[in-house]
N, C-alpha and C. Protein backbone atom coordinates (compact mmCIF):
# COMPACT_ATOMS: atom_id res chain seq x y z
N MET A 1 18.80 146.41 66.50
CA MET A 1 20.39 146.88 66.48
C MET A 1 21.24 145.30 66.92
N ALA A 2 22.28 145.26 66.25
CA ALA A 2 23.25 144.21 66.02
C ALA A 2 24.19 144.76 67.28
N LEU A 3 23.78 143.27 67.90
CA LEU A 3 25.59 143.58 69.46
C LEU A 3 26.53 143.93 68.34
N LYS A 4 27.53 144.16 69.36
CA LYS A 4 28.90 144.71 68.73
C LYS A 4 29.95 143.72 69.48
N ALA A 5 30.94 143.57 69.34
CA ALA A 5 31.79 142.87 69.95
C ALA A 5 32.21 143.31 71.14
N THR A 6 32.97 142.41 71.98
CA THR A 6 33.43 143.10 73.37
C THR A 6 34.61 142.88 73.34
N ILE A 7 35.36 143.93 73.41
CA ILE A 7 37.19 143.91 73.42
C ILE A 7 38.10 143.52 74.24
N TYR A 8 38.85 142.84 74.27
CA TYR A 8 39.70 141.97 75.32
C TYR A 8 41.26 142.68 74.91
N LYS A 9 42.14 143.16 75.96
CA LYS A 9 43.11 143.79 75.73
C LYS A 9 44.13 142.65 76.58
N ALA A 10 45.06 141.94 76.33
CA ALA A 10 46.31 141.06 76.64
C ALA A 10 47.85 141.32 76.10
N THR A 11 48.51 141.61 77.49
CA THR A 11 49.79 142.04 77.06
C THR A 11 50.38 140.61 77.69
N VAL A 12 51.09 139.67 76.52
CA VAL A 12 51.33 138.18 76.50
C VAL A 12 53.23 138.36 76.53
N ASN A 13 53.57 137.81 77.47
CA ASN A 13 55.28 137.53 77.78
C ASN A 13 55.33 136.28 77.44
N VAL A 14 55.90 135.75 76.16
CA VAL A 14 56.07 133.94 75.44
C VAL A 14 57.51 133.76 75.47
N ALA A 15 57.50 132.91 76.00
CA ALA A 15 59.11 132.28 76.18
C ALA A 15 58.95 130.53 75.90
N ASP A 16 59.08 130.64 73.87
CA ASP A 16 59.05 129.17 73.69
C ASP A 16 60.37 128.34 73.84
N LEU A 17 60.44 127.38 74.75
CA LEU A 17 62.05 127.14 75.20
C LEU A 17 62.10 126.24 73.45
N ASP A 18 61.49 125.50 72.93
CA ASP A 18 61.56 124.36 71.84
C ASP A 18 62.11 125.28 70.96
N ARG A 19 61.27 126.62 70.26
CA ARG A 19 61.76 127.32 69.48
C ARG A 19 62.88 128.50 69.52
N ASN A 20 63.04 128.34 70.66
CA ASN A 20 64.21 129.58 71.17
C ASN A 20 63.60 130.61 70.80
N GLN A 21 62.25 130.99 70.98
CA GLN A 21 61.59 132.55 70.71
C GLN A 21 61.14 132.91 71.88
N PHE A 22 61.72 134.21 72.18
CA PHE A 22 60.99 135.27 73.23
C PHE A 22 60.41 136.04 72.83
N LEU A 23 59.24 136.70 73.15
CA LEU A 23 58.03 137.70 72.62
C LEU A 23 57.71 138.13 73.66
N GLU A 24 57.36 139.74 73.97
CA GLU A 24 56.34 140.13 74.43
C GLU A 24 55.18 141.16 73.58
N THR A 25 54.15 141.33 73.66
CA THR A 25 53.27 142.13 72.91
C THR A 25 51.99 142.37 73.62
N ALA A 26 51.34 143.32 72.77
CA ALA A 26 50.02 143.53 73.37
C ALA A 26 49.13 143.03 72.45
N LEU A 27 47.99 142.25 72.68
CA LEU A 27 47.32 142.03 71.69
C LEU A 27 45.50 142.59 71.93
N THR A 28 45.00 142.60 71.17
CA THR A 28 43.84 142.68 71.33
C THR A 28 42.77 141.75 70.45
N LEU A 29 41.95 141.31 71.34
CA LEU A 29 40.71 140.26 71.18
C LEU A 29 39.40 140.72 71.03
N ALA A 30 38.72 141.07 69.52
CA ALA A 30 37.56 140.89 70.02
C ALA A 30 36.80 140.03 70.16
N ARG A 31 35.95 139.99 70.69
CA ARG A 31 35.00 138.41 71.07
C ARG A 31 33.67 139.18 70.50
N HIS A 32 33.38 137.67 69.34
CA HIS A 32 32.11 138.06 68.58
C HIS A 32 31.00 137.82 69.90
N PRO A 33 29.59 138.18 69.97
CA PRO A 33 28.50 138.13 70.56
C PRO A 33 28.36 136.81 70.84
N SER A 34 28.37 136.16 69.68
CA SER A 34 28.11 134.50 69.68
C SER A 34 28.86 133.80 70.15
N GLU A 35 30.25 134.33 70.61
CA GLU A 35 31.59 133.72 70.65
C GLU A 35 31.49 132.97 72.37
N THR A 36 31.86 131.96 72.90
CA THR A 36 32.20 131.87 74.47
C THR A 36 33.59 132.06 74.69
N GLN A 37 33.60 132.55 76.04
CA GLN A 37 34.60 133.23 76.84
C GLN A 37 35.31 131.79 76.63
N GLU A 38 35.31 130.61 76.45
CA GLU A 38 36.39 129.61 76.36
C GLU A 38 36.78 129.81 74.87
N ARG A 39 36.23 129.84 74.02
CA ARG A 39 36.58 130.09 72.71
C ARG A 39 37.45 130.93 72.49
N MET A 40 36.91 132.39 72.79
CA MET A 40 38.21 133.05 72.69
C MET A 40 39.35 132.91 73.43
N MET A 41 39.47 132.47 74.91
CA MET A 41 40.64 132.04 75.40
C MET A 41 41.66 131.03 74.54
N LEU A 42 40.61 129.99 73.81
CA LEU A 42 41.54 129.22 72.91
C LEU A 42 42.14 130.07 71.94
N ARG A 43 41.62 131.12 71.09
CA ARG A 43 42.21 131.54 70.41
C ARG A 43 43.25 132.28 70.74
N LEU A 44 43.34 132.60 72.03
CA LEU A 44 44.38 133.26 72.36
C LEU A 44 45.70 132.33 73.00
N LEU A 45 45.60 131.11 73.19
CA LEU A 45 46.46 129.57 73.61
C LEU A 45 46.42 129.53 72.25
N ALA A 46 45.99 129.45 71.04
CA ALA A 46 46.78 129.40 69.88
C ALA A 46 47.63 130.41 69.24
N TRP A 47 47.25 131.36 69.69
CA TRP A 47 48.33 132.40 69.36
C TRP A 47 49.32 132.50 70.12
N ILE A 48 49.46 131.72 71.51
CA ILE A 48 50.38 131.71 72.01
C ILE A 48 51.24 130.60 71.68
N GLN A 49 50.63 129.56 71.19
CA GLN A 49 51.23 128.08 71.04
C GLN A 49 52.45 128.60 69.44
N PHE A 50 51.83 129.35 68.90
CA PHE A 50 52.39 129.68 67.58
C PHE A 50 52.79 131.30 67.57
N ALA A 51 53.49 131.82 68.74
CA ALA A 51 53.76 133.18 69.07
C ALA A 51 54.86 133.98 68.00
N ASP A 52 54.40 134.58 67.39
CA ASP A 52 55.06 135.15 65.81
C ASP A 52 54.78 137.07 66.05
N GLU A 53 55.41 137.92 65.95
CA GLU A 53 54.97 139.14 65.77
C GLU A 53 54.23 139.43 64.62
N ARG A 54 54.04 138.69 63.65
CA ARG A 54 53.16 138.65 62.46
C ARG A 54 51.74 138.12 62.27
N LEU A 55 51.97 137.09 63.82
CA LEU A 55 50.51 136.40 63.27
C LEU A 55 49.40 136.68 64.05
N GLN A 56 48.24 137.49 63.18
CA GLN A 56 47.33 138.38 63.82
C GLN A 56 45.96 137.38 63.19
N PHE A 57 45.21 138.31 64.81
CA PHE A 57 43.58 137.65 64.66
C PHE A 57 43.13 138.15 63.46
N THR A 58 42.47 137.24 62.91
CA THR A 58 41.57 137.79 61.74
C THR A 58 40.24 138.22 61.95
N ARG A 59 39.15 138.10 61.20
CA ARG A 59 37.38 138.75 61.32
C ARG A 59 36.82 137.81 61.93
N GLY A 60 37.64 136.49 62.13
CA GLY A 60 37.05 135.27 62.49
C GLY A 60 35.62 134.81 62.26
N LEU A 61 35.07 134.48 63.41
CA LEU A 61 33.44 134.23 62.87
C LEU A 61 32.75 134.98 62.03
N CYS A 62 33.08 136.37 61.97
CA CYS A 62 32.35 137.39 60.74
C CYS A 62 32.77 137.07 59.55
N ALA A 63 33.69 136.74 59.10
CA ALA A 63 34.49 136.06 58.00
C ALA A 63 34.27 134.31 57.58
N ASP A 64 33.69 134.14 56.80
CA ASP A 64 33.79 132.69 55.90
C ASP A 64 34.87 132.20 55.21
N ASP A 65 35.88 133.06 55.00
CA ASP A 65 36.83 132.77 54.21
C ASP A 65 38.49 132.98 54.17
N GLU A 66 37.99 133.38 56.29
CA GLU A 66 39.49 133.89 56.85
C GLU A 66 39.59 132.57 57.79
N PRO A 67 40.85 132.23 58.52
CA PRO A 67 40.84 131.60 59.84
C PRO A 67 40.79 132.54 60.64
N GLU A 68 40.97 131.62 61.83
CA GLU A 68 40.58 132.48 63.10
C GLU A 68 42.21 133.18 63.24
N LEU A 69 43.06 132.84 62.94
CA LEU A 69 44.25 133.76 63.10
C LEU A 69 45.57 133.27 61.70
N TRP A 70 45.69 133.86 61.35
CA TRP A 70 47.18 133.68 60.19
C TRP A 70 48.46 134.35 59.99
N LEU A 71 49.17 133.69 59.57
CA LEU A 71 50.22 134.22 59.23
C LEU A 71 50.66 134.39 58.07
N ARG A 72 50.64 135.65 57.64
CA ARG A 72 50.90 136.03 56.31
C ARG A 72 52.45 136.52 55.97
N ASN A 73 52.85 136.14 54.81
CA ASN A 73 54.52 136.53 54.57
C ASN A 73 54.47 137.64 53.47
N ASP A 74 55.72 138.30 53.35
CA ASP A 74 55.81 139.62 52.86
C ASP A 74 55.08 139.61 51.14
N HIS A 75 54.54 138.78 50.99
CA HIS A 75 53.85 138.49 49.33
C HIS A 75 52.52 138.24 49.75
N LEU A 76 52.07 138.30 50.82
CA LEU A 76 50.56 138.26 51.18
C LEU A 76 50.11 136.76 50.73
N GLY A 77 50.92 135.53 50.76
CA GLY A 77 50.72 134.15 50.93
C GLY A 77 50.85 133.55 52.61
N ILE A 78 50.13 132.49 52.49
CA ILE A 78 49.70 132.51 54.14
C ILE A 78 51.04 131.35 54.94
N ASP A 79 51.87 131.18 55.48
CA ASP A 79 52.42 130.83 55.75
C ASP A 79 51.80 129.78 56.69
N LEU A 80 50.49 130.42 57.53
CA LEU A 80 50.31 129.34 58.72
C LEU A 80 48.76 129.88 58.77
N TRP A 81 47.54 128.93 58.89
CA TRP A 81 46.36 129.01 59.11
C TRP A 81 45.56 128.72 60.08
N ILE A 82 45.27 129.20 60.97
CA ILE A 82 44.59 128.25 62.49
C ILE A 82 43.89 128.82 62.45
N GLU A 83 42.66 127.19 62.70
CA GLU A 83 41.40 127.24 62.63
C GLU A 83 40.77 126.83 64.22
N LEU A 84 39.73 126.72 64.92
CA LEU A 84 39.07 126.50 65.64
C LEU A 84 37.60 125.48 65.72
N GLY A 85 38.08 124.82 66.09
CA GLY A 85 36.73 123.80 66.14
C GLY A 85 36.49 122.63 65.49
N LEU A 86 35.53 122.07 64.99
CA LEU A 86 35.32 121.11 64.47
C LEU A 86 34.73 121.19 62.78
N PRO A 87 35.76 121.73 62.29
CA PRO A 87 35.39 122.01 60.88
C PRO A 87 34.99 120.94 59.88
N ASP A 88 34.36 121.52 58.53
CA ASP A 88 34.41 120.19 57.79
C ASP A 88 35.49 120.03 56.55
N GLU A 89 35.51 118.77 56.04
CA GLU A 89 36.52 118.55 55.68
C GLU A 89 36.71 119.36 54.12
N LYS A 90 35.62 120.19 53.68
CA LYS A 90 36.10 120.97 52.91
C LYS A 90 36.43 122.38 52.89
N ARG A 91 36.50 122.76 54.51
CA ARG A 91 36.87 124.05 55.03
C ARG A 91 38.43 123.50 55.06
N ILE A 92 38.71 122.38 55.45
CA ILE A 92 40.16 121.95 55.87
C ILE A 92 40.79 122.25 54.69
N LYS A 93 40.32 121.94 53.62
CA LYS A 93 40.87 121.32 52.39
C LYS A 93 41.51 122.65 51.60
N LYS A 94 40.34 123.40 51.80
CA LYS A 94 40.73 124.85 51.33
C LYS A 94 41.76 125.56 52.20
N ALA A 95 41.65 125.35 53.58
CA ALA A 95 43.20 125.77 54.10
C ALA A 95 44.30 125.45 53.75
N CYS A 96 44.29 123.91 53.57
CA CYS A 96 45.60 123.18 53.46
C CYS A 96 45.92 123.57 52.05
N SER A 97 45.48 123.89 50.99
CA SER A 97 45.64 124.28 49.74
C SER A 97 46.11 125.96 50.03
N GLN A 98 45.68 126.37 50.70
CA GLN A 98 45.93 127.89 50.74
C GLN A 98 47.08 128.26 51.65
N ALA A 99 47.38 127.27 52.23
CA ALA A 99 48.84 127.80 53.76
C ALA A 99 49.44 126.84 53.34
N LYS A 100 51.03 127.04 53.84
CA LYS A 100 52.04 126.21 53.76
C LYS A 100 51.64 125.07 55.16
N GLU A 101 51.31 125.92 56.32
CA GLU A 101 50.86 124.88 57.29
C GLU A 101 49.39 125.38 58.03
N VAL A 102 48.96 124.04 58.50
CA VAL A 102 47.54 124.72 59.42
C VAL A 102 47.23 123.57 60.44
N ALA A 103 46.86 124.59 61.34
CA ALA A 103 46.63 124.03 62.78
C ALA A 103 44.98 123.93 63.19
N LEU A 104 44.68 123.03 63.74
CA LEU A 104 43.70 122.92 64.14
C LEU A 104 43.21 122.73 65.40
N PHE A 105 42.56 123.36 66.15
CA PHE A 105 42.48 123.29 67.64
C PHE A 105 41.00 122.87 68.10
N THR A 106 40.88 121.71 68.20
CA THR A 106 39.55 121.13 68.62
C THR A 106 39.07 121.24 70.18
N TYR A 107 38.36 121.43 70.23
CA TYR A 107 37.28 121.41 71.80
C TYR A 107 35.96 120.78 71.95
N ASN A 108 35.24 121.02 73.31
CA ASN A 108 34.25 120.16 73.21
C ASN A 108 33.97 118.82 73.19
N SER A 109 34.76 118.24 74.46
CA SER A 109 34.84 116.37 74.56
C SER A 109 34.01 115.98 73.77
N ARG A 110 32.75 115.88 73.83
CA ARG A 110 32.10 114.64 73.19
C ARG A 110 32.02 115.03 71.82
N ALA A 111 31.61 115.87 71.24
CA ALA A 111 31.03 116.76 70.02
C ALA A 111 32.83 116.16 68.79
N ALA A 112 34.09 116.48 69.55
CA ALA A 112 35.15 116.59 69.45
C ALA A 112 35.56 114.97 68.87
N GLN A 113 35.60 114.13 69.96
CA GLN A 113 35.60 112.84 69.88
C GLN A 113 34.96 112.30 68.46
N ILE A 114 33.80 112.24 68.85
CA ILE A 114 33.09 111.76 67.54
C ILE A 114 33.45 112.50 66.13
N TRP A 115 33.37 113.92 66.09
CA TRP A 115 33.97 114.93 64.99
C TRP A 115 35.42 113.54 64.59
N TRP A 116 36.57 113.57 65.47
CA TRP A 116 37.67 112.63 65.20
C TRP A 116 37.51 111.14 64.48
N GLN A 117 36.55 110.54 65.44
CA GLN A 117 36.66 109.57 64.88
C GLN A 117 36.06 109.26 63.04
N GLN A 118 34.93 110.26 63.02
CA GLN A 118 34.60 110.00 61.65
C GLN A 118 35.09 110.54 60.81
N ASN A 119 36.49 111.82 61.04
CA ASN A 119 36.96 112.20 60.23
C ASN A 119 38.98 112.11 59.64
N GLN A 120 39.26 110.85 60.88
CA GLN A 120 40.44 110.95 61.12
C GLN A 120 41.29 110.04 59.76
N PRO A 121 40.22 109.30 58.92
CA PRO A 121 40.90 108.74 58.14
C PRO A 121 41.25 109.63 56.72
N ARG A 122 40.29 110.67 56.57
CA ARG A 122 40.19 111.42 55.42
C ARG A 122 41.32 112.78 55.73
N LEU A 123 41.67 112.78 57.23
CA LEU A 123 42.38 114.00 57.37
C LEU A 123 43.89 113.70 57.36
N ALA A 124 44.30 112.54 57.61
CA ALA A 124 45.44 111.95 57.36
C ALA A 124 46.18 112.12 56.03
N GLY A 125 45.50 112.17 55.14
CA GLY A 125 46.14 112.84 53.97
C GLY A 125 46.68 114.13 53.48
N PHE A 126 45.67 115.07 54.84
CA PHE A 126 46.68 116.35 54.42
C PHE A 126 47.80 116.72 55.25
N LYS A 127 48.98 116.39 54.52
CA LYS A 127 50.22 116.32 55.38
C LYS A 127 50.60 117.81 55.72
N ASN A 128 49.95 118.81 55.46
CA ASN A 128 50.40 120.28 56.20
C ASN A 128 49.66 120.67 57.39
N LEU A 129 48.56 119.41 57.86
CA LEU A 129 47.57 119.83 58.75
C LEU A 129 47.90 118.95 60.06
N SER A 130 47.94 120.09 61.16
CA SER A 130 48.38 119.31 62.55
C SER A 130 47.17 119.47 63.34
N ILE A 131 46.89 118.95 64.26
CA ILE A 131 45.56 119.12 65.02
C ILE A 131 45.95 118.45 66.60
N TRP A 132 45.53 119.36 67.20
CA TRP A 132 45.34 119.57 69.07
C TRP A 132 44.06 119.68 69.11
N TYR A 133 43.54 118.65 70.61
CA TYR A 133 42.20 118.68 70.91
C TYR A 133 42.77 119.38 72.83
N LEU A 134 41.98 119.74 73.26
CA LEU A 134 41.63 120.27 74.57
C LEU A 134 40.71 120.18 75.32
N ASP A 135 41.16 119.52 76.20
CA ASP A 135 39.42 118.82 76.70
C ASP A 135 38.89 119.57 77.81
N ASP A 136 37.85 119.57 77.95
CA ASP A 136 36.68 120.28 78.60
C ASP A 136 37.68 121.02 79.94
N GLU A 137 37.75 119.83 80.69
CA GLU A 137 38.55 120.93 82.04
C GLU A 137 39.54 121.69 81.74
N GLN A 138 40.80 121.47 81.22
CA GLN A 138 41.35 122.28 80.53
C GLN A 138 41.15 123.75 79.98
N LEU A 139 40.05 123.73 79.39
CA LEU A 139 39.36 124.82 78.62
C LEU A 139 38.70 125.51 79.86
N ALA A 140 38.31 125.23 80.59
CA ALA A 140 37.60 125.83 81.83
C ALA A 140 38.50 126.60 82.74
N LYS A 141 39.75 125.48 82.71
CA LYS A 141 40.36 126.17 83.77
C LYS A 141 41.19 127.80 82.83
N LEU A 142 41.55 127.66 81.46
CA LEU A 142 42.19 128.63 80.81
C LEU A 142 41.22 129.49 80.82
N SER A 143 39.51 129.19 80.91
CA SER A 143 38.63 130.30 80.68
C SER A 143 38.70 131.41 82.00
N ASP A 144 39.30 130.82 82.88
CA ASP A 144 39.40 131.54 84.18
C ASP A 144 39.94 132.86 84.63
N PHE A 145 41.26 132.84 83.19
CA PHE A 145 42.01 134.05 82.82
C PHE A 145 41.45 134.93 82.27
N ALA A 146 40.19 134.48 81.78
CA ALA A 146 40.02 135.56 81.14
C ALA A 146 39.25 137.14 82.11
N GLN A 147 39.78 138.22 81.15
CA GLN A 147 39.45 139.56 81.91
C GLN A 147 39.80 140.35 80.59
N ARG A 148 39.06 141.63 80.81
CA ARG A 148 39.10 142.44 79.51
C ARG A 148 40.18 143.16 79.63
N THR A 149 41.24 143.39 80.42
CA THR A 149 42.48 143.72 80.71
C THR A 149 43.63 142.56 81.16
N MET A 150 44.30 141.83 80.25
CA MET A 150 44.69 140.50 80.82
C MET A 150 46.39 140.90 80.65
N SER A 151 47.18 140.36 81.72
CA SER A 151 48.85 140.48 81.70
C SER A 151 49.55 139.02 81.97
N LEU A 152 49.52 138.24 80.81
CA LEU A 152 49.81 136.60 80.69
C LEU A 152 51.07 136.63 80.52
N GLN A 153 51.76 135.67 80.97
CA GLN A 153 52.89 135.03 81.34
C GLN A 153 53.10 133.46 80.38
N ALA A 154 53.43 133.05 79.81
CA ALA A 154 53.56 131.96 79.16
C ALA A 154 54.98 131.29 78.86
N THR A 155 55.13 130.02 78.99
CA THR A 155 56.47 129.46 79.26
C THR A 155 55.84 127.83 78.19
N LEU A 156 56.71 127.77 76.96
CA LEU A 156 55.78 126.30 76.45
C LEU A 156 57.61 125.79 76.36
N GLN A 157 57.48 124.37 76.49
CA GLN A 157 58.41 123.44 76.48
C GLN A 157 57.80 121.87 76.44
N GLU A 158 58.31 121.54 75.17
CA GLU A 158 57.79 119.91 75.04
C GLU A 158 56.62 119.51 74.98
N GLY A 159 55.74 120.32 74.51
CA GLY A 159 54.24 120.34 74.50
C GLY A 159 53.46 120.80 75.38
N THR A 160 53.99 121.46 76.64
CA THR A 160 53.18 122.04 77.25
C THR A 160 53.43 123.68 77.57
N ILE A 161 52.15 123.98 78.17
CA ILE A 161 52.00 125.16 77.78
C ILE A 161 52.06 125.62 79.73
N TRP A 162 52.99 126.49 80.15
CA TRP A 162 52.36 127.13 81.38
C TRP A 162 52.59 128.30 81.54
N LEU A 163 51.03 128.70 81.98
CA LEU A 163 50.64 130.15 81.68
C LEU A 163 50.35 130.50 82.83
N SER A 164 50.17 131.76 82.94
CA SER A 164 50.31 132.06 84.64
C SER A 164 49.39 133.68 84.46
N ASP A 165 48.96 134.63 85.22
CA ASP A 165 48.95 135.88 85.54
C ASP A 165 49.00 136.19 87.22
N THR A 166 48.41 137.54 87.76
CA THR A 166 49.16 137.74 89.06
C THR A 166 48.50 136.72 89.89
N GLN A 167 47.31 135.90 89.38
CA GLN A 167 46.58 135.76 90.40
C GLN A 167 46.38 133.73 89.91
N ASN A 168 46.57 133.36 88.72
CA ASN A 168 46.26 132.19 88.44
C ASN A 168 48.08 131.61 87.98
N SER A 169 47.97 130.12 87.96
CA SER A 169 48.90 129.39 87.34
C SER A 169 48.25 128.26 86.89
N LEU A 170 48.55 127.87 85.68
CA LEU A 170 47.67 126.62 84.73
C LEU A 170 48.78 126.22 84.08
N GLU A 171 49.01 124.52 84.14
CA GLU A 171 49.93 123.96 83.24
C GLU A 171 48.62 123.28 82.05
N ILE A 172 49.02 123.40 81.00
CA ILE A 172 47.87 123.01 79.56
C ILE A 172 48.49 122.10 78.94
N GLN A 173 48.09 121.10 78.33
CA GLN A 173 48.61 119.83 78.00
C GLN A 173 48.02 119.68 76.82
N PRO A 174 47.69 119.91 75.64
CA PRO A 174 47.00 119.81 74.63
C PRO A 174 47.38 118.51 73.93
N THR A 175 46.43 117.89 73.30
CA THR A 175 46.54 116.69 73.38
C THR A 175 46.78 116.83 71.24
N ARG A 176 48.36 116.46 70.76
CA ARG A 176 48.07 116.30 69.44
C ARG A 176 47.46 115.09 68.80
N TRP A 177 46.81 115.33 67.83
CA TRP A 177 45.73 114.10 67.27
C TRP A 177 46.82 113.94 66.43
N GLN A 178 46.76 114.82 65.49
CA GLN A 178 47.44 114.84 63.99
C GLN A 178 48.76 115.63 64.35
N GLN A 179 49.99 114.98 63.52
CA GLN A 179 51.25 115.91 63.44
C GLN A 179 51.32 116.41 61.77
N ARG A 180 51.83 117.92 60.98
CA ARG A 180 52.50 118.05 59.74
C ARG A 180 53.60 116.76 59.68
N ALA A 181 53.58 116.51 58.73
CA ALA A 181 54.64 115.91 57.77
C ALA A 181 55.59 116.78 57.88
């Protein structure tokens, strides 16, 4: 018998001062049995960083042909493709050819540093690709927010994300490894 996804509910209030965007929405995250809590919370953080009413979680780990999140336009084109982890160049090339903008969130300090050293020269050629890195310490603190039902407040300004709930508060500063042109 296959294990089922664990469902998490999050009410998120986002104040993005850089984009002058304010949004409150209810999100549902399905955590795949093979997904870590840290990875699930990084998906949520990626949603917060690009908060938009049309930004959707996809089937993620269950679908090789979809990103973790995407923002589709009215013509079913992909305006934003969000990926997590350390994908191979072929997957990044596919994303960059299908979407106007691609955002990659890397994590796992040791593996990510090696991956970046090996791939940086080739990835620089993808002009619509942005890459962020979240270190292990920040990811562990972000993971502390994980509850089956969450109510989060997020403020974004100048590359910093302040996240809080009723018990925790955290300042997160993802490191930008590559900025889209």
